[in-house]
Amino acid sequence: MTDVYEDRQWLTIPDLVEKLNLTPSRIRRLIEERQLLAIKRNGVLSVPAAFLGEEDLPLSELRGTLFVLADARFTDDEAMEWMLSTEESLGAAPIDALRAGRKAEVRRVAQALA
């Protein structure tokens, strides 16, 4: 794993259950539906805290971006690395650009990767 992962706060399924007040199966469904993206870190399925938005709900702009990356044949690990690494054309990590309201720009860059 790259250093970019170390700079982020990570939440496990039990953390998300507590934070979102949902069942573990509902959290897994959010991941399956691409509303959240999770990868295994040290053998534990984890989600960056940055993927949660207002009121600790999944960031609404994330889902469409994850579909664009999946259409570009990114694996979950590749998509996670792209979302958390600084993207030169954005001048920020895509997740940070999404959080700043730059959804169209992030998706345009993601589509260009296909």
C-alpha atoms as a PDB file:
ATOM      1  CA  MET A   1       0.000   0.000   0.000  1.00  0.00           C
ATOM      2  CA  THR A   2       1.135   3.497  -0.717  1.00  0.00           C
ATOM      3  CA  ASP A   3       1.794   6.284   1.784  1.00  0.00           C
ATOM      4  CA  VAL A   4      -1.347   8.060   0.564  1.00  0.00           C
ATOM      5  CA  TYR A   5      -3.358   5.556   2.600  1.00  0.00           C
ATOM      6  CA  GLU A   6      -1.515   6.390   5.812  1.00  0.00           C
ATOM      7  CA  ASP A   7      -2.580  10.039   5.608  1.00  0.00           C
ATOM      8  CA  ARG A   8      -6.270   9.166   5.871  1.00  0.00           C
ATOM      9  CA  GLN A   9      -8.540   8.150   8.713  1.00  0.00           C
ATOM     10  CA  TRP A  10     -10.059   4.711   8.082  1.00  0.00           C
ATOM     11  CA  LEU A  11     -13.284   3.211   9.365  1.00  0.00           C
ATOM     12  CA  THR A  12     -13.984  -0.519   9.704  1.00  0.00           C
ATOM     13  CA  ILE A  13     -17.422  -2.098   9.312  1.00  0.00           C
ATOM     14  CA  PRO A  14     -18.001  -1.947  13.124  1.00  0.00           C
ATOM     15  CA  ASP A  15     -16.939   1.740  13.074  1.00  0.00           C
ATOM     16  CA  LEU A  16     -19.426   2.438  10.282  1.00  0.00           C
ATOM     17  CA  VAL A  17     -22.186   0.512  12.090  1.00  0.00           C
ATOM     18  CA  GLU A  18     -21.722   2.776  15.085  1.00  0.00           C
ATOM     19  CA  LYS A  19     -21.249   6.003  13.102  1.00  0.00           C
ATOM     20  CA  LEU A  20     -24.132   5.473  10.643  1.00  0.00           C
ATOM     21  CA  ASN A  21     -26.404   3.576  13.037  1.00  0.00           C
ATOM     22  CA  LEU A  22     -26.912   0.820  10.465  1.00  0.00           C
ATOM     23  CA  THR A  23     -26.545  -2.954  10.561  1.00  0.00           C
ATOM     24  CA  PRO A  24     -23.377  -4.628   9.243  1.00  0.00           C
ATOM     25  CA  SER A  25     -25.404  -6.108   6.372  1.00  0.00           C
ATOM     26  CA  ARG A  26     -26.668  -2.638   5.398  1.00  0.00           C
ATOM     27  CA  ILE A  27     -23.088  -1.309   5.430  1.00  0.00           C
ATOM     28  CA  ARG A  28     -22.028  -4.171   3.158  1.00  0.00           C
ATOM     29  CA  ARG A  29     -24.965  -3.368   0.855  1.00  0.00           C
ATOM     30  CA  LEU A  30     -23.807   0.277   0.629  1.00  0.00           C
ATOM     31  CA  ILE A  31     -20.417  -1.064  -0.472  1.00  0.00           C
ATOM     32  CA  GLU A  32     -21.978  -3.491  -2.982  1.00  0.00           C
ATOM     33  CA  GLU A  33     -24.137  -0.658  -4.393  1.00  0.00           C
ATOM     34  CA  ARG A  34     -20.992   1.497  -4.830  1.00  0.00           C
ATOM     35  CA  GLN A  35     -22.245   4.156  -2.421  1.00  0.00           C
ATOM     36  CA  LEU A  36     -19.043   3.458  -0.496  1.00  0.00           C
ATOM     37  CA  LEU A  37     -15.753   1.913  -1.560  1.00  0.00           C
ATOM     38  CA  ALA A  38     -13.877  -0.390   0.796  1.00  0.00           C
ATOM     39  CA  ILE A  39     -10.586  -2.238   0.592  1.00  0.00           C
ATOM     40  CA  LYS A  40      -8.851  -4.645   2.920  1.00  0.00           C
ATOM     41  CA  ARG A  41      -6.178  -2.984   5.051  1.00  0.00           C
ATOM     42  CA  ASN A  42      -4.241  -5.322   7.301  1.00  0.00           C
ATOM     43  CA  GLY A  43      -6.885  -7.967   6.563  1.00  0.00           C
ATOM     44  CA  VAL A  44      -9.796  -5.741   7.654  1.00  0.00           C
ATOM     45  CA  LEU A  45     -12.348  -4.233   5.276  1.00  0.00           C
ATOM     46  CA  SER A  46     -12.031  -0.452   5.668  1.00  0.00           C
ATOM     47  CA  VAL A  47     -13.486   2.754   4.215  1.00  0.00           C
ATOM     48  CA  PRO A  48     -11.804   6.185   4.302  1.00  0.00           C
ATOM     49  CA  ALA A  49     -13.651   8.582   6.605  1.00  0.00           C
ATOM     50  CA  ALA A  50     -13.407  11.136   3.770  1.00  0.00           C
ATOM     51  CA  PHE A  51     -16.019   9.079   1.889  1.00  0.00           C
ATOM     52  CA  LEU A  52     -18.631  10.229   4.403  1.00  0.00           C
ATOM     53  CA  GLY A  53     -20.225  13.617   3.982  1.00  0.00           C
ATOM     54  CA  GLU A  54     -22.678  15.722   5.915  1.00  0.00           C
ATOM     55  CA  GLU A  55     -24.384  14.016   8.834  1.00  0.00           C
ATOM     56  CA  ASP A  56     -22.023  11.040   8.432  1.00  0.00           C
ATOM     57  CA  LEU A  57     -23.844   9.767   5.348  1.00  0.00           C
ATOM     58  CA  PRO A  58     -22.020   8.384   2.304  1.00  0.00           C
ATOM     59  CA  LEU A  59     -20.856  11.295   0.142  1.00  0.00           C
ATOM     60  CA  SER A  60     -23.544  11.519  -2.551  1.00  0.00           C
ATOM     61  CA  GLU A  61     -21.050  12.508  -5.286  1.00  0.00           C
ATOM     62  CA  LEU A  62     -18.981   9.375  -4.692  1.00  0.00           C
ATOM     63  CA  ARG A  63     -21.310   6.790  -6.231  1.00  0.00           C
ATOM     64  CA  GLY A  64     -21.334   8.122  -9.802  1.00  0.00           C
ATOM     65  CA  THR A  65     -17.569   8.559  -9.755  1.00  0.00           C
ATOM     66  CA  LEU A  66     -17.110   4.964  -8.583  1.00  0.00           C
ATOM     67  CA  PHE A  67     -19.310   3.761 -11.461  1.00  0.00           C
ATOM     68  CA  VAL A  68     -17.197   5.736 -13.943  1.00  0.00           C
ATOM     69  CA  LEU A  69     -14.046   4.100 -12.554  1.00  0.00           C
ATOM     70  CA  ALA A  70     -15.661   0.647 -12.657  1.00  0.00           C
ATOM     71  CA  ASP A  71     -16.638   1.262 -16.296  1.00  0.00           C
ATOM     72  CA  ALA A  72     -12.971   2.102 -16.928  1.00  0.00           C
ATOM     73  CA  ARG A  73     -12.192  -1.374 -15.523  1.00  0.00           C
ATOM     74  CA  PHE A  74     -10.539  -0.119 -12.331  1.00  0.00           C
ATOM     75  CA  THR A  75     -10.382  -2.727  -9.578  1.00  0.00           C
ATOM     76  CA  ASP A  76     -11.498  -1.591  -6.121  1.00  0.00           C
ATOM     77  CA  ASP A  77      -7.843  -1.285  -5.076  1.00  0.00           C
ATOM     78  CA  GLU A  78      -7.001   0.788  -8.162  1.00  0.00           C
ATOM     79  CA  ALA A  79     -10.074   2.984  -7.692  1.00  0.00           C
ATOM     80  CA  MET A  80      -9.178   3.555  -4.043  1.00  0.00           C
ATOM     81  CA  GLU A  81      -5.616   4.526  -4.901  1.00  0.00           C
ATOM     82  CA  TRP A  82      -6.838   6.936  -7.602  1.00  0.00           C
ATOM     83  CA  MET A  83      -9.444   8.493  -5.286  1.00  0.00           C
ATOM     84  CA  LEU A  84      -6.883   9.141  -2.535  1.00  0.00           C
ATOM     85  CA  SER A  85      -3.803  10.103  -4.590  1.00  0.00           C
ATOM     86  CA  THR A  86      -3.169  13.613  -5.842  1.00  0.00           C
ATOM     87  CA  GLU A  87      -4.387  13.833  -9.437  1.00  0.00           C
ATOM     88  CA  GLU A  88      -2.184  16.305 -11.294  1.00  0.00           C
ATOM     89  CA  SER A  89      -4.969  17.687 -13.482  1.00  0.00           C
ATOM     90  CA  LEU A  90      -7.139  18.379 -10.416  1.00  0.00           C
ATOM     91  CA  GLY A  91      -4.355  19.640  -8.188  1.00  0.00           C
ATOM     92  CA  ALA A  92      -5.821  17.519  -5.389  1.00  0.00           C
ATOM     93  CA  ALA A  93      -6.899  13.991  -4.592  1.00  0.00           C
ATOM     94  CA  PRO A  94     -10.187  13.238  -6.389  1.00  0.00           C
ATOM     95  CA  ILE A  95     -12.004  12.633  -3.083  1.00  0.00           C
ATOM     96  CA  ASP A  96     -10.896  16.050  -1.844  1.00  0.00           C
ATOM     97  CA  ALA A  97     -12.025  17.648  -5.119  1.00  0.00           C
ATOM     98  CA  LEU A  98     -15.423  15.903  -4.786  1.00  0.00           C
ATOM     99  CA  ARG A  99     -15.767  17.185  -1.231  1.00  0.00           C
ATOM    100  CA  ALA A 100     -14.989  20.704  -2.547  1.00  0.00           C
ATOM    101  CA  GLY A 101     -17.914  20.517  -4.998  1.00  0.00           C
ATOM    102  CA  ARG A 102     -15.917  19.729  -8.145  1.00  0.00           C
ATOM    103  CA  LYS A 103     -17.928  16.637  -9.147  1.00  0.00           C
ATOM    104  CA  ALA A 104     -18.132  17.353 -12.900  1.00  0.00           C
ATOM    105  CA  GLU A 105     -14.397  18.003 -13.115  1.00  0.00           C
ATOM    106  CA  VAL A 106     -13.543  14.803 -11.204  1.00  0.00           C
ATOM    107  CA  ARG A 107     -15.829  12.702 -13.408  1.00  0.00           C
ATOM    108  CA  ARG A 108     -14.411  14.240 -16.577  1.00  0.00           C
ATOM    109  CA  VAL A 109     -10.907  13.243 -15.477  1.00  0.00           C
ATOM    110  CA  ALA A 110     -12.122   9.751 -14.495  1.00  0.00           C
ATOM    111  CA  GLN A 111     -13.821   9.297 -17.884  1.00  0.00           C
ATOM    112  CA  ALA A 112     -10.616  10.283 -19.656  1.00  0.00           C
ATOM    113  CA  LEU A 113      -8.895   7.339 -17.969  1.00  0.00           C
ATOM    114  CA  ALA A 114     -11.102   4.823 -19.776  1.00  0.00           C
END
